[in-house]
Amino acid sequence: MNHLSHAQESQFNPSHYSESLTAFTRDWKDAENIEVLLNFIAPKVPVSRRFEYKQTDTDQMFFSEHDDLRAQGSSFKRIEFYGQVIQAKTLNKGLTIRVDVDDIVGADWQERYVHLLMKRLYRNELRRTIAALKANANRTEKTWNAESIPDKDIRECLLQSAHTHGFYPNRILWGELAWYKRQDCYCAQDNASAYIVAELSREKLAEKLLVDEIKLLKKQNLGIQGDEIQGNEIFAFFTQNGLLKDEPSHIKRFVTPTEGDTLFRVYVEEHSKFTDITVEHYSNLAVTSSEGITQIDIQS
């Protein structure tokens, strides 16, 4: 039996479960903010292992009622979301690393390997999320040069999405190369006003474009296998944090919490000359509404 299958079997052995390392994952942070970026695109929604959700039109997010007054002796109007019901379950994902006794350095060596595994697992999730965005986006090409007004091009795409689908995207994921191309366009115009626009922060640009937030997607966030993006893409979509499983949004990441309300479990299997450390979690990525996802590819 190879060490990987052995480690996978050990996941179901309570003696290998590490309560302290599992607790360590609860407040885990990484310098690249991969988890933050993942939740920006596909917010996590807690569910049981087997669950159902509705594929809905995103404009249901903006419904309001004229009849929310309760008549005496009756109940309040009940809100319901409409759409195709999908049966699903969260999938068991994880990775194992074998640490030789000669490589053990420092009292926190196990935490450092857990950090490495969690970073890799989140990067895998982010890569799947970007692939889902691309597969479901309405794609537009824009050519940017010294005569272009990049912010006007983006605003037009956002307004077109609002006109076609009935709602205005609230988040933008901006590829690193596309961000530099925007700056280069304005700098090439060689005037004071253009230089000011070129140096706008993402927060100020979000205000200008009337979206909640803009985040930068760096190719290194996806690792060396991140061939899903070239860096010249800009994605616009609608979603919010803290969603319920049937609330409309473009993409959700359904997760099943473990004991203690953590998203990960850690297992440590010690041998005489090496230790296997396994980190696992349960999740399932779903495009719950594909209408209105916009992808803008920037050409030079």
C-alpha atoms as a PDB file:
ATOM      1  CA  MET A   1       0.000   0.000   0.000  1.00  0.00           C
ATOM      2  CA  ASN A   2       1.486   3.384  -0.934  1.00  0.00           C
ATOM      3  CA  HIS A   3       1.776   6.180   1.614  1.00  0.00           C
ATOM      4  CA  LEU A   4      -1.022   8.275   0.062  1.00  0.00           C
ATOM      5  CA  SER A   5      -3.704   5.584   0.232  1.00  0.00           C
ATOM      6  CA  HIS A   6      -2.474   4.711   3.736  1.00  0.00           C
ATOM      7  CA  ALA A   7      -2.850   8.341   4.778  1.00  0.00           C
ATOM      8  CA  GLN A   8      -6.323   8.522   3.249  1.00  0.00           C
ATOM      9  CA  GLU A   9      -7.418   5.504   5.257  1.00  0.00           C
ATOM     10  CA  SER A  10      -6.026   7.108   8.399  1.00  0.00           C
ATOM     11  CA  GLN A  11      -8.412  10.024   8.021  1.00  0.00           C
ATOM     12  CA  PHE A  12     -11.171   7.829   9.428  1.00  0.00           C
ATOM     13  CA  ASN A  13      -9.104   6.700  12.412  1.00  0.00           C
ATOM     14  CA  PRO A  14      -9.935   8.997  15.355  1.00  0.00           C
ATOM     15  CA  SER A  15      -6.533   8.361  16.901  1.00  0.00           C
ATOM     16  CA  HIS A  16      -4.867  10.303  14.064  1.00  0.00           C
ATOM     17  CA  TYR A  17      -7.152  13.327  14.322  1.00  0.00           C
ATOM     18  CA  SER A  18      -5.334  16.430  15.628  1.00  0.00           C
ATOM     19  CA  GLU A  19      -7.610  18.742  17.586  1.00  0.00           C
ATOM     20  CA  SER A  20      -4.921  21.383  18.077  1.00  0.00           C
ATOM     21  CA  LEU A  21      -3.920  21.548  14.402  1.00  0.00           C
ATOM     22  CA  THR A  22      -7.564  21.585  13.345  1.00  0.00           C
ATOM     23  CA  ALA A  23      -8.073  24.548  15.701  1.00  0.00           C
ATOM     24  CA  PHE A  24      -5.023  26.163  14.061  1.00  0.00           C
ATOM     25  CA  THR A  25      -6.849  26.163  10.695  1.00  0.00           C
ATOM     26  CA  ARG A  26      -9.738  28.227  12.099  1.00  0.00           C
ATOM     27  CA  ASP A  27      -7.782  31.492  12.221  1.00  0.00           C
ATOM     28  CA  TRP A  28      -5.385  30.658   9.401  1.00  0.00           C
ATOM     29  CA  LYS A  29      -4.227  33.530   7.168  1.00  0.00           C
ATOM     30  CA  ASP A  30      -1.856  33.689   4.232  1.00  0.00           C
ATOM     31  CA  ALA A  31       0.095  36.626   2.858  1.00  0.00           C
ATOM     32  CA  GLU A  32      -1.376  36.201  -0.634  1.00  0.00           C
ATOM     33  CA  ASN A  33      -4.967  36.431   0.672  1.00  0.00           C
ATOM     34  CA  ILE A  34      -6.036  33.510  -1.516  1.00  0.00           C
ATOM     35  CA  GLU A  35      -8.964  32.694   0.767  1.00  0.00           C
ATOM     36  CA  VAL A  36     -10.116  36.333   0.707  1.00  0.00           C
ATOM     37  CA  LEU A  37      -9.968  36.375  -3.084  1.00  0.00           C
ATOM     38  CA  LEU A  38     -11.852  33.068  -3.277  1.00  0.00           C
ATOM     39  CA  ASN A  39     -14.643  34.366  -1.034  1.00  0.00           C
ATOM     40  CA  PHE A  40     -14.772  37.561  -3.097  1.00  0.00           C
ATOM     41  CA  ILE A  41     -15.728  35.537  -6.190  1.00  0.00           C
ATOM     42  CA  ALA A  42     -17.526  32.554  -4.658  1.00  0.00           C
ATOM     43  CA  PRO A  43     -18.635  33.236  -1.066  1.00  0.00           C
ATOM     44  CA  LYS A  44     -18.776  30.210   1.199  1.00  0.00           C
ATOM     45  CA  VAL A  45     -22.240  28.948   2.155  1.00  0.00           C
ATOM     46  CA  PRO A  46     -22.451  26.366   4.996  1.00  0.00           C
ATOM     47  CA  VAL A  47     -24.575  23.294   4.191  1.00  0.00           C
ATOM     48  CA  SER A  48     -24.862  19.652   5.251  1.00  0.00           C
ATOM     49  CA  ARG A  49     -23.035  16.979   3.230  1.00  0.00           C
ATOM     50  CA  ARG A  50     -26.110  16.336   1.068  1.00  0.00           C
ATOM     51  CA  PHE A  51     -28.209  19.341   0.179  1.00  0.00           C
ATOM     52  CA  GLU A  52     -30.266  20.946  -2.553  1.00  0.00           C
ATOM     53  CA  TYR A  53     -30.164  24.451  -3.944  1.00  0.00           C
ATOM     54  CA  LYS A  54     -31.972  26.468  -6.597  1.00  0.00           C
ATOM     55  CA  GLN A  55     -30.508  27.786  -9.814  1.00  0.00           C
ATOM     56  CA  THR A  56     -32.211  31.158  -9.943  1.00  0.00           C
ATOM     57  CA  ASP A  57     -32.259  34.406 -11.855  1.00  0.00           C
ATOM     58  CA  THR A  58     -30.014  36.886 -10.101  1.00  0.00           C
ATOM     59  CA  ASP A  59     -32.640  39.647 -10.330  1.00  0.00           C
ATOM     60  CA  GLN A  60     -34.616  37.830  -7.632  1.00  0.00           C
ATOM     61  CA  MET A  61     -32.061  39.375  -5.272  1.00  0.00           C
ATOM     62  CA  PHE A  62     -33.713  42.746  -5.860  1.00  0.00           C
ATOM     63  CA  PHE A  63     -37.396  41.868  -5.415  1.00  0.00           C
ATOM     64  CA  SER A  64     -39.460  43.941  -2.999  1.00  0.00           C
ATOM     65  CA  GLU A  65     -43.033  43.575  -1.791  1.00  0.00           C
ATOM     66  CA  HIS A  66     -46.042  45.900  -1.740  1.00  0.00           C
ATOM     67  CA  ASP A  67     -47.955  43.489   0.491  1.00  0.00           C
ATOM     68  CA  ASP A  68     -45.758  42.953   3.560  1.00  0.00           C
ATOM     69  CA  LEU A  69     -48.540  44.057   5.932  1.00  0.00           C
ATOM     70  CA  ARG A  70     -50.167  41.309   7.953  1.00  0.00           C
ATOM     71  CA  ALA A  71     -53.959  41.169   8.078  1.00  0.00           C
ATOM     72  CA  GLN A  72     -55.454  40.372  11.475  1.00  0.00           C
ATOM     73  CA  GLY A  73     -55.758  36.621  11.994  1.00  0.00           C
ATOM     74  CA  SER A  74     -53.402  35.756   9.141  1.00  0.00           C
ATOM     75  CA  SER A  75     -49.698  35.150   8.607  1.00  0.00           C
ATOM     76  CA  PHE A  76     -47.111  37.305   6.922  1.00  0.00           C
ATOM     77  CA  LYS A  77     -46.418  36.787   3.229  1.00  0.00           C
ATOM     78  CA  ARG A  78     -43.807  34.081   2.750  1.00  0.00           C
ATOM     79  CA  ILE A  79     -40.757  34.755   0.574  1.00  0.00           C
ATOM     80  CA  GLU A  80     -39.781  32.009  -1.874  1.00  0.00           C
ATOM     81  CA  PHE A  81     -37.031  31.753  -4.438  1.00  0.00           C
ATOM     82  CA  TYR A  82     -37.935  30.193  -7.763  1.00  0.00           C
ATOM     83  CA  GLY A  83     -35.725  28.118 -10.017  1.00  0.00           C
ATOM     84  CA  GLN A  84     -34.546  24.636 -10.874  1.00  0.00           C
ATOM     85  CA  VAL A  85     -33.842  22.519  -7.795  1.00  0.00           C
ATOM     86  CA  ILE A  86     -30.400  20.872  -7.902  1.00  0.00           C
ATOM     87  CA  GLN A  87     -29.518  17.880  -5.724  1.00  0.00           C
ATOM     88  CA  ALA A  88     -25.877  18.006  -4.657  1.00  0.00           C
ATOM     89  CA  LYS A  89     -23.354  17.080  -2.015  1.00  0.00           C
ATOM     90  CA  THR A  90     -20.094  18.558  -0.839  1.00  0.00           C
ATOM     91  CA  LEU A  91     -17.020  16.688  -2.035  1.00  0.00           C
ATOM     92  CA  ASN A  92     -14.189  15.440   0.152  1.00  0.00           C
ATOM     93  CA  LYS A  93     -10.944  17.164  -0.877  1.00  0.00           C
ATOM     94  CA  GLY A  94      -7.553  17.066   0.750  1.00  0.00           C
ATOM     95  CA  LEU A  95      -3.794  16.634   0.488  1.00  0.00           C
ATOM     96  CA  THR A  96      -1.133  14.711   2.413  1.00  0.00           C
ATOM     97  CA  ILE A  97       2.524  15.526   2.904  1.00  0.00           C
ATOM     98  CA  ARG A  98       5.146  13.129   4.277  1.00  0.00           C
ATOM     99  CA  VAL A  99       7.748  14.773   6.500  1.00  0.00           C
ATOM    100  CA  ASP A 100      10.995  12.887   7.113  1.00  0.00           C
ATOM    101  CA  VAL A 101      12.357  13.030  10.643  1.00  0.00           C
ATOM    102  CA  ASP A 102      15.523  14.685   9.300  1.00  0.00           C
ATOM    103  CA  ASP A 103      13.443  17.632   7.997  1.00  0.00           C
ATOM    104  CA  ILE A 104      11.812  18.449  11.331  1.00  0.00           C
ATOM    105  CA  VAL A 105      13.014  21.856  12.542  1.00  0.00           C
ATOM    106  CA  GLY A 106      11.418  24.079  15.189  1.00  0.00           C
ATOM    107  CA  ALA A 107       8.558  23.563  17.616  1.00  0.00           C
ATOM    108  CA  ASP A 108       5.965  24.773  15.080  1.00  0.00           C
ATOM    109  CA  TRP A 109       6.967  22.468  12.241  1.00  0.00           C
ATOM    110  CA  GLN A 110       3.541  20.797  12.022  1.00  0.00           C
ATOM    111  CA  GLU A 111       1.754  24.155  11.806  1.00  0.00           C
ATOM    112  CA  ARG A 112       4.049  25.213   8.984  1.00  0.00           C
ATOM    113  CA  TYR A 113       3.238  22.102   6.961  1.00  0.00           C
ATOM    114  CA  VAL A 114      -0.478  22.563   7.628  1.00  0.00           C
ATOM    115  CA  HIS A 115      -0.086  26.129   6.355  1.00  0.00           C
ATOM    116  CA  LEU A 116       1.514  24.804   3.161  1.00  0.00           C
ATOM    117  CA  LEU A 117      -1.287  22.274   2.573  1.00  0.00           C
ATOM    118  CA  MET A 118      -4.063  24.782   3.222  1.00  0.00           C
ATOM    119  CA  LYS A 119      -2.504  27.274   0.843  1.00  0.00           C
ATOM    120  CA  ARG A 120      -2.367  24.589  -1.842  1.00  0.00           C
ATOM    121  CA  LEU A 121      -5.988  23.542  -1.226  1.00  0.00           C
ATOM    122  CA  TYR A 122      -7.260  27.123  -1.433  1.00  0.00           C
ATOM    123  CA  ARG A 123      -5.253  27.676  -4.602  1.00  0.00           C
ATOM    124  CA  ASN A 124      -6.934  24.605  -6.116  1.00  0.00           C
ATOM    125  CA  GLU A 125     -10.353  26.019  -5.197  1.00  0.00           C
ATOM    126  CA  LEU A 126      -9.488  29.416  -6.661  1.00  0.00           C
ATOM    127  CA  ARG A 127      -8.327  27.857  -9.916  1.00  0.00           C
ATOM    128  CA  ARG A 128     -11.636  25.951 -10.228  1.00  0.00           C
ATOM    129  CA  THR A 129     -13.545  29.162  -9.509  1.00  0.00           C
ATOM    130  CA  ILE A 130     -11.755  31.126 -12.232  1.00  0.00           C
ATOM    131  CA  ALA A 131     -12.436  28.299 -14.684  1.00  0.00           C
ATOM    132  CA  ALA A 132     -16.149  28.455 -13.765  1.00  0.00           C
ATOM    133  CA  LEU A 133     -16.198  32.229 -14.314  1.00  0.00           C
ATOM    134  CA  LYS A 134     -14.650  31.871 -17.768  1.00  0.00           C
ATOM    135  CA  ALA A 135     -16.935  28.992 -18.765  1.00  0.00           C
ATOM    136  CA  ASN A 136     -20.088  30.970 -17.932  1.00  0.00           C
ATOM    137  CA  ALA A 137     -19.126  34.530 -18.879  1.00  0.00           C
ATOM    138  CA  ASN A 138     -20.347  36.655 -21.766  1.00  0.00           C
ATOM    139  CA  ARG A 139     -17.044  37.563 -23.415  1.00  0.00           C
ATOM    140  CA  THR A 140     -16.193  40.960 -24.957  1.00  0.00           C
ATOM    141  CA  GLU A 141     -12.925  42.187 -26.458  1.00  0.00           C
ATOM    142  CA  LYS A 142     -11.613  45.719 -26.036  1.00  0.00           C
ATOM    143  CA  THR A 143      -8.480  47.199 -27.622  1.00  0.00           C
ATOM    144  CA  TRP A 144      -6.623  49.700 -25.464  1.00  0.00           C
ATOM    145  CA  ASN A 145      -4.033  52.123 -26.802  1.00  0.00           C
ATOM    146  CA  ALA A 146      -3.045  55.772 -26.307  1.00  0.00           C
ATOM    147  CA  GLU A 147      -6.383  56.936 -27.767  1.00  0.00           C
ATOM    148  CA  SER A 148      -8.509  54.684 -25.533  1.00  0.00           C
ATOM    149  CA  ILE A 149     -10.478  55.615 -22.419  1.00  0.00           C
ATOM    150  CA  PRO A 150     -10.383  52.333 -20.463  1.00  0.00           C
ATOM    151  CA  ASP A 151     -12.766  53.352 -17.679  1.00  0.00           C
ATOM    152  CA  LYS A 152     -15.383  54.359 -20.234  1.00  0.00           C
ATOM    153  CA  ASP A 153     -15.063  50.937 -21.915  1.00  0.00           C
ATOM    154  CA  ILE A 154     -15.584  49.145 -18.597  1.00  0.00           C
ATOM    155  CA  ARG A 155     -18.559  51.328 -17.672  1.00  0.00           C
ATOM    156  CA  GLU A 156     -20.189  50.600 -21.030  1.00  0.00           C
ATOM    157  CA  CYS A 157     -19.818  46.856 -20.455  1.00  0.00           C
ATOM    158  CA  LEU A 158     -21.325  47.145 -16.971  1.00  0.00           C
ATOM    159  CA  LEU A 159     -24.246  49.182 -18.280  1.00  0.00           C
ATOM    160  CA  GLN A 160     -24.787  46.692 -21.100  1.00  0.00           C
ATOM    161  CA  SER A 161     -24.950  43.882 -18.552  1.00  0.00           C
ATOM    162  CA  ALA A 162     -27.454  45.880 -16.496  1.00  0.00           C
ATOM    163  CA  HIS A 163     -29.565  46.598 -19.592  1.00  0.00           C
ATOM    164  CA  THR A 164     -29.543  42.976 -20.751  1.00  0.00           C
ATOM    165  CA  HIS A 165     -29.960  41.186 -17.442  1.00  0.00           C
ATOM    166  CA  GLY A 166     -31.726  43.759 -15.270  1.00  0.00           C
ATOM    167  CA  PHE A 167     -29.027  44.329 -12.650  1.00  0.00           C
ATOM    168  CA  TYR A 168     -25.669  46.066 -12.377  1.00  0.00           C
ATOM    169  CA  PRO A 169     -22.640  43.930 -11.378  1.00  0.00           C
ATOM    170  CA  ASN A 170     -21.293  44.816  -7.944  1.00  0.00           C
ATOM    171  CA  ARG A 171     -17.825  43.230  -8.027  1.00  0.00           C
ATOM    172  CA  ILE A 172     -14.944  43.323 -10.501  1.00  0.00           C
ATOM    173  CA  LEU A 173     -12.003  40.924 -10.651  1.00  0.00           C
ATOM    174  CA  TRP A 174      -9.237  42.674 -12.574  1.00  0.00           C
ATOM    175  CA  GLY A 175      -6.371  40.731 -14.134  1.00  0.00           C
ATOM    176  CA  GLU A 176      -2.906  42.001 -13.273  1.00  0.00           C
ATOM    177  CA  LEU A 177      -1.862  42.559 -16.898  1.00  0.00           C
ATOM    178  CA  ALA A 178      -5.134  44.345 -17.668  1.00  0.00           C
ATOM    179  CA  TRP A 179      -4.539  46.658 -14.693  1.00  0.00           C
ATOM    180  CA  TYR A 180      -1.112  47.618 -16.028  1.00  0.00           C
ATOM    181  CA  LYS A 181      -2.580  48.146 -19.511  1.00  0.00           C
ATOM    182  CA  ARG A 182      -5.122  50.579 -18.051  1.00  0.00           C
ATOM    183  CA  GLN A 183      -2.332  52.585 -16.424  1.00  0.00           C
ATOM    184  CA  ASP A 184      -0.238  52.524 -19.610  1.00  0.00           C
ATOM    185  CA  CYS A 185      -3.149  53.883 -21.685  1.00  0.00           C
ATOM    186  CA  TYR A 186      -3.622  56.920 -19.488  1.00  0.00           C
ATOM    187  CA  CYS A 187       0.104  57.557 -19.049  1.00  0.00           C
ATOM    188  CA  ALA A 188       0.542  57.476 -22.847  1.00  0.00           C
ATOM    189  CA  GLN A 189      -1.869  60.434 -23.151  1.00  0.00           C
ATOM    190  CA  ASP A 190       0.832  62.541 -21.452  1.00  0.00           C
ATOM    191  CA  ASN A 191      -1.311  65.095 -19.640  1.00  0.00           C
ATOM    192  CA  ALA A 192      -1.865  65.887 -15.981  1.00  0.00           C
ATOM    193  CA  SER A 193      -5.483  64.720 -15.848  1.00  0.00           C
ATOM    194  CA  ALA A 194      -4.666  61.373 -17.436  1.00  0.00           C
ATOM    195  CA  TYR A 195      -1.802  60.814 -14.972  1.00  0.00           C
ATOM    196  CA  ILE A 196      -4.191  61.381 -12.063  1.00  0.00           C
ATOM    197  CA  VAL A 197      -6.671  58.857 -13.487  1.00  0.00           C
ATOM    198  CA  ALA A 198      -3.865  56.356 -14.120  1.00  0.00           C
ATOM    199  CA  GLU A 199      -2.890  56.428 -10.435  1.00  0.00           C
ATOM    200  CA  LEU A 200      -6.407  55.916  -9.066  1.00  0.00           C
ATOM    201  CA  SER A 201      -6.514  53.234  -6.396  1.00  0.00           C
ATOM    202  CA  ARG A 202      -8.842  50.294  -6.877  1.00  0.00           C
ATOM    203  CA  GLU A 203     -11.050  51.721  -4.124  1.00  0.00           C
ATOM    204  CA  LYS A 204     -11.415  55.052  -5.941  1.00  0.00           C
ATOM    205  CA  LEU A 205     -11.966  53.350  -9.278  1.00  0.00           C
ATOM    206  CA  ALA A 206     -14.703  51.198  -7.713  1.00  0.00           C
ATOM    207  CA  GLU A 207     -16.465  54.384  -6.599  1.00  0.00           C
ATOM    208  CA  LYS A 208     -16.109  55.820 -10.093  1.00  0.00           C
ATOM    209  CA  LEU A 209     -17.580  52.694 -11.710  1.00  0.00           C
ATOM    210  CA  LEU A 210     -20.333  52.376  -9.050  1.00  0.00           C
ATOM    211  CA  VAL A 211     -19.316  48.890  -7.904  1.00  0.00           C
ATOM    212  CA  ASP A 212     -18.727  47.716  -4.343  1.00  0.00           C
ATOM    213  CA  GLU A 213     -15.189  46.478  -4.778  1.00  0.00           C
ATOM    214  CA  ILE A 214     -12.407  45.703  -7.248  1.00  0.00           C
ATOM    215  CA  LYS A 215      -9.810  43.051  -6.518  1.00  0.00           C
ATOM    216  CA  LEU A 216      -6.649  42.245  -8.433  1.00  0.00           C
ATOM    217  CA  LEU A 217      -6.050  38.721  -9.720  1.00  0.00           C
ATOM    218  CA  LYS A 218      -2.380  37.844  -9.975  1.00  0.00           C
ATOM    219  CA  LYS A 219      -1.327  34.836 -11.994  1.00  0.00           C
ATOM    220  CA  GLN A 220       0.793  33.633  -9.067  1.00  0.00           C
ATOM    221  CA  ASN A 221      -2.432  33.289  -7.022  1.00  0.00           C
ATOM    222  CA  LEU A 222      -3.278  30.296  -9.224  1.00  0.00           C
ATOM    223  CA  GLY A 223       0.186  28.731  -9.183  1.00  0.00           C
ATOM    224  CA  ILE A 224       2.114  27.360 -12.132  1.00  0.00           C
ATOM    225  CA  GLN A 225      -0.944  25.417 -13.326  1.00  0.00           C
ATOM    226  CA  GLY A 226      -3.036  28.567 -13.557  1.00  0.00           C
ATOM    227  CA  ASP A 227      -3.281  28.521 -17.348  1.00  0.00           C
ATOM    228  CA  GLU A 228      -6.973  29.460 -17.089  1.00  0.00           C
ATOM    229  CA  ILE A 229      -6.015  33.139 -17.275  1.00  0.00           C
ATOM    230  CA  GLN A 230      -3.594  35.222 -19.323  1.00  0.00           C
ATOM    231  CA  GLY A 231      -3.854  38.227 -17.014  1.00  0.00           C
ATOM    232  CA  ASN A 232      -5.605  40.485 -19.544  1.00  0.00           C
ATOM    233  CA  GLU A 233      -9.109  39.487 -18.398  1.00  0.00           C
ATOM    234  CA  ILE A 234     -11.549  41.569 -16.371  1.00  0.00           C
ATOM    235  CA  PHE A 235     -14.575  39.832 -14.809  1.00  0.00           C
ATOM    236  CA  ALA A 236     -17.722  41.583 -13.556  1.00  0.00           C
ATOM    237  CA  PHE A 237     -20.384  39.707 -11.595  1.00  0.00           C
ATOM    238  CA  PHE A 238     -22.832  39.969  -8.723  1.00  0.00           C
ATOM    239  CA  THR A 239     -22.536  38.273  -5.356  1.00  0.00           C
ATOM    240  CA  GLN A 240     -22.415  39.074  -1.638  1.00  0.00           C
ATOM    241  CA  ASN A 241     -20.898  37.539   1.455  1.00  0.00           C
ATOM    242  CA  GLY A 242     -23.097  35.831   4.025  1.00  0.00           C
ATOM    243  CA  LEU A 243     -25.498  34.358   1.481  1.00  0.00           C
ATOM    244  CA  LEU A 244     -28.109  31.713   2.178  1.00  0.00           C
ATOM    245  CA  LYS A 245     -28.014  28.615  -0.013  1.00  0.00           C
ATOM    246  CA  ASP A 246     -31.018  29.689  -2.134  1.00  0.00           C
ATOM    247  CA  GLU A 247     -30.274  33.399  -2.356  1.00  0.00           C
ATOM    248  CA  PRO A 248     -29.448  34.385  -5.932  1.00  0.00           C
ATOM    249  CA  SER A 249     -25.835  35.070  -6.865  1.00  0.00           C
ATOM    250  CA  HIS A 250     -23.582  34.067  -9.714  1.00  0.00           C
ATOM    251  CA  ILE A 251     -21.258  31.617  -7.956  1.00  0.00           C
ATOM    252  CA  LYS A 252     -21.319  30.002  -4.511  1.00  0.00           C
ATOM    253  CA  ARG A 253     -18.934  27.689  -2.729  1.00  0.00           C
ATOM    254  CA  PHE A 254     -20.934  25.286  -0.601  1.00  0.00           C
ATOM    255  CA  VAL A 255     -18.954  24.037   2.405  1.00  0.00           C
ATOM    256  CA  THR A 256     -19.661  21.560   5.204  1.00  0.00           C
ATOM    257  CA  PRO A 257     -18.217  22.660   8.567  1.00  0.00           C
ATOM    258  CA  THR A 258     -16.562  20.093  10.804  1.00  0.00           C
ATOM    259  CA  GLU A 259     -16.588  19.763  14.579  1.00  0.00           C
ATOM    260  CA  GLY A 260     -16.054  23.110  16.265  1.00  0.00           C
ATOM    261  CA  ASP A 261     -17.370  24.904  13.164  1.00  0.00           C
ATOM    262  CA  THR A 262     -14.030  24.671  11.341  1.00  0.00           C
ATOM    263  CA  LEU A 263     -13.848  24.061   7.593  1.00  0.00           C
ATOM    264  CA  PHE A 264     -10.817  21.767   7.758  1.00  0.00           C
ATOM    265  CA  ARG A 265      -9.714  18.669   9.628  1.00  0.00           C
ATOM    266  CA  VAL A 266      -6.078  17.764  10.225  1.00  0.00           C
ATOM    267  CA  TYR A 267      -4.714  14.249  10.770  1.00  0.00           C
ATOM    268  CA  VAL A 268      -1.213  13.335  11.930  1.00  0.00           C
ATOM    269  CA  GLU A 269       0.088   9.790  11.518  1.00  0.00           C
ATOM    270  CA  GLU A 270       3.479   9.292  13.091  1.00  0.00           C
ATOM    271  CA  HIS A 271       5.978   6.594  12.139  1.00  0.00           C
ATOM    272  CA  SER A 272       9.479   5.900  13.353  1.00  0.00           C
ATOM    273  CA  LYS A 273      11.234   7.857  10.564  1.00  0.00           C
ATOM    274  CA  PHE A 274       8.515  10.035   9.045  1.00  0.00           C
ATOM    275  CA  THR A 275       5.143  11.648   9.744  1.00  0.00           C
ATOM    276  CA  ASP A 276       2.153  11.949   7.388  1.00  0.00           C
ATOM    277  CA  ILE A 277       0.132  15.152   7.781  1.00  0.00           C
ATOM    278  CA  THR A 278      -3.242  15.297   6.036  1.00  0.00           C
ATOM    279  CA  VAL A 279      -5.590  18.269   5.668  1.00  0.00           C
ATOM    280  CA  GLU A 280      -9.099  17.655   4.340  1.00  0.00           C
ATOM    281  CA  HIS A 281     -12.288  19.640   3.772  1.00  0.00           C
ATOM    282  CA  TYR A 282     -15.700  19.340   2.113  1.00  0.00           C
ATOM    283  CA  SER A 283     -16.827  21.773  -0.581  1.00  0.00           C
ATOM    284  CA  ASN A 284     -18.670  22.043  -3.871  1.00  0.00           C
ATOM    285  CA  LEU A 285     -18.484  24.964  -6.284  1.00  0.00           C
ATOM    286  CA  ALA A 286     -21.723  25.838  -8.097  1.00  0.00           C
ATOM    287  CA  VAL A 287     -22.690  28.428 -10.693  1.00  0.00           C
ATOM    288  CA  THR A 288     -26.133  29.221  -9.301  1.00  0.00           C
ATOM    289  CA  SER A 289     -26.927  31.851 -11.946  1.00  0.00           C
ATOM    290  CA  SER A 290     -24.897  32.282 -15.123  1.00  0.00           C
ATOM    291  CA  GLU A 291     -26.778  35.240 -16.620  1.00  0.00           C
ATOM    292  CA  GLY A 292     -24.855  38.480 -16.282  1.00  0.00           C
ATOM    293  CA  ILE A 293     -21.280  37.286 -15.726  1.00  0.00           C
ATOM    294  CA  THR A 294     -19.130  39.538 -17.944  1.00  0.00           C
ATOM    295  CA  GLN A 295     -15.604  38.867 -19.158  1.00  0.00           C
ATOM    296  CA  ILE A 296     -13.687  41.659 -20.884  1.00  0.00           C
ATOM    297  CA  ASP A 297     -10.488  40.657 -22.664  1.00  0.00           C
ATOM    298  CA  ILE A 298      -8.109  43.570 -23.147  1.00  0.00           C
ATOM    299  CA  GLN A 299      -6.062  43.617 -26.350  1.00  0.00           C
ATOM    300  CA  SER A 300      -3.175  45.969 -27.148  1.00  0.00           C
END
